[in-house]
Amino acid sequence: SDYCDFCLGDSALNKKTGKPEALIACSICGRAGHPTCLQFTKNMMVSVRKYPWQCIECKSCTICGTSENDDKLLFCDDCDRGYHMYCLVPPMKEAPEGSWSCSICIQTFHKK
């Protein structure tokens, strides 16, 4: 869409910041938002332009492609991709406390 689902501004004006900001659109439903309205981190703002981003309503597992068992979906704190805990290798039994990064983002942002 041509406007932010959160502040109702467009790419020429984020109504929360008063500044222009490009919108990011869901690759499934097309709903859009300003990265700052979506509370994206700096790393997310870089990452979401590099893959077919999905909004929270449409989010599916990057590995298996389904959105079932959404209570088992983890969201990467660096790219916002979704992953079922049981699709990860090795599988995760419990959601981690605090922030979590997927293997793609560990390579991209956290490699020493």
Protein backbone atom coordinates (compact mmCIF):
# COMPACT_ATOMS: atom_id res chain seq x y z
CA SER A 1 0.00 0.00 0.00
CA ASP A 2 1.00 3.65 -0.32
CA TYR A 3 0.65 4.50 3.38
CA CYS A 4 1.87 3.33 6.77
CA ASP A 5 -0.61 1.08 8.61
CA PHE A 6 0.56 2.62 11.90
CA CYS A 7 0.92 6.40 11.51
CA LEU A 8 -1.07 6.66 8.23
CA GLY A 9 1.70 8.76 6.69
CA ASP A 10 3.38 7.99 3.36
CA SER A 11 7.00 7.81 2.19
CA ALA A 12 7.10 11.62 2.03
CA LEU A 13 6.03 11.95 5.70
CA ASN A 14 6.25 9.70 8.72
CA LYS A 15 3.59 11.33 10.93
CA LYS A 16 5.37 10.20 14.12
CA THR A 17 8.81 11.62 13.24
CA GLY A 18 7.73 14.41 10.88
CA LYS A 19 10.36 13.24 8.39
CA PRO A 20 10.29 11.37 5.06
CA GLU A 21 10.87 7.62 5.36
CA ALA A 22 10.59 4.82 2.80
CA LEU A 23 7.86 2.27 3.50
CA ILE A 24 8.46 -1.48 3.71
CA ALA A 25 5.61 -3.62 2.34
CA CYS A 26 4.63 -7.18 3.24
CA SER A 27 5.45 -9.52 0.35
CA ILE A 28 2.22 -11.47 1.01
CA CYS A 29 -0.58 -8.99 1.81
CA GLY A 30 1.02 -5.71 0.69
CA ARG A 31 0.33 -3.84 3.93
CA ALA A 32 3.10 -1.37 4.61
CA GLY A 33 4.77 0.47 7.43
CA HIS A 34 7.65 2.80 8.14
CA PRO A 35 10.56 0.85 9.67
CA THR A 36 10.55 3.23 12.67
CA CYS A 37 6.78 2.71 13.18
CA LEU A 38 7.45 -1.05 13.07
CA GLN A 39 10.15 -0.47 15.73
CA PHE A 40 12.84 -2.05 13.56
CA THR A 41 16.42 -2.09 14.81
CA LYS A 42 19.21 -0.68 12.61
CA ASN A 43 20.11 -4.23 11.52
CA MET A 44 16.47 -4.98 10.62
CA MET A 45 16.28 -1.82 8.51
CA VAL A 46 19.19 -3.17 6.44
CA SER A 47 17.98 -6.78 6.32
CA VAL A 48 14.29 -6.41 5.42
CA ARG A 49 15.14 -4.84 2.05
CA LYS A 50 17.14 -7.94 1.06
CA TYR A 51 14.39 -10.58 1.20
CA PRO A 52 10.58 -10.85 0.74
CA TRP A 53 9.64 -9.46 4.17
CA GLN A 54 6.37 -10.59 5.80
CA CYS A 55 4.25 -8.67 8.32
CA ILE A 56 3.34 -10.27 11.65
CA GLU A 57 -0.06 -11.40 10.27
CA CYS A 58 1.52 -13.21 7.30
CA LYS A 59 4.79 -14.39 8.89
CA SER A 60 5.82 -17.97 8.06
CA CYS A 61 8.83 -20.13 8.87
CA THR A 62 11.84 -19.38 6.66
CA ILE A 63 12.75 -23.08 6.67
CA CYS A 64 9.45 -24.98 6.14
CA GLY A 65 7.37 -22.14 4.68
CA THR A 66 4.28 -22.71 6.84
CA SER A 67 2.67 -20.42 9.39
CA GLU A 68 1.13 -23.21 11.47
CA ASN A 69 2.12 -23.54 15.14
CA ASP A 70 2.76 -19.80 15.30
CA ASP A 71 3.32 -20.15 19.05
CA LYS A 72 6.55 -21.98 18.12
CA LEU A 73 7.76 -19.25 15.71
CA LEU A 74 10.83 -17.30 16.76
CA PHE A 75 11.57 -13.94 15.16
CA CYS A 76 15.15 -12.93 14.49
CA ASP A 77 16.03 -9.68 16.23
CA ASP A 78 18.30 -8.68 13.33
CA CYS A 79 16.19 -9.46 10.24
CA ASP A 80 12.62 -10.19 11.48
CA ARG A 81 12.50 -13.56 9.66
CA GLY A 82 10.43 -16.26 11.36
CA TYR A 83 11.67 -19.74 12.31
CA HIS A 84 9.87 -22.63 14.02
CA MET A 85 11.94 -23.75 17.00
CA TYR A 86 11.61 -27.36 15.76
CA CYS A 87 12.82 -26.49 12.23
CA LEU A 88 16.14 -25.13 13.49
CA VAL A 89 19.22 -27.35 13.43
CA PRO A 90 19.63 -28.32 16.18
CA PRO A 91 15.97 -27.86 17.20
CA MET A 92 15.26 -25.54 20.13
CA LYS A 93 13.03 -26.88 22.91
CA GLU A 94 12.30 -23.53 24.56
CA ALA A 95 12.32 -19.97 23.29
CA PRO A 96 15.51 -18.18 24.32
CA GLU A 97 15.31 -15.38 26.85
CA GLY A 98 16.34 -11.99 25.55
CA SER A 99 17.37 -11.40 21.95
CA TRP A 100 17.91 -14.12 19.36
CA SER A 101 19.62 -14.01 15.95
CA CYS A 102 19.23 -16.51 13.11
CA SER A 103 22.26 -18.16 11.48
CA ILE A 104 22.08 -15.72 8.51
CA CYS A 105 22.36 -12.74 10.83
CA ILE A 106 25.04 -14.29 13.02
CA GLN A 107 27.15 -14.48 9.81
CA THR A 108 26.12 -10.97 8.67
CA PHE A 109 26.19 -8.94 11.88
CA HIS A 110 27.88 -10.90 14.67
CA LYS A 111 30.87 -12.59 13.05
CA LYS A 112 34.05 -11.50 14.82
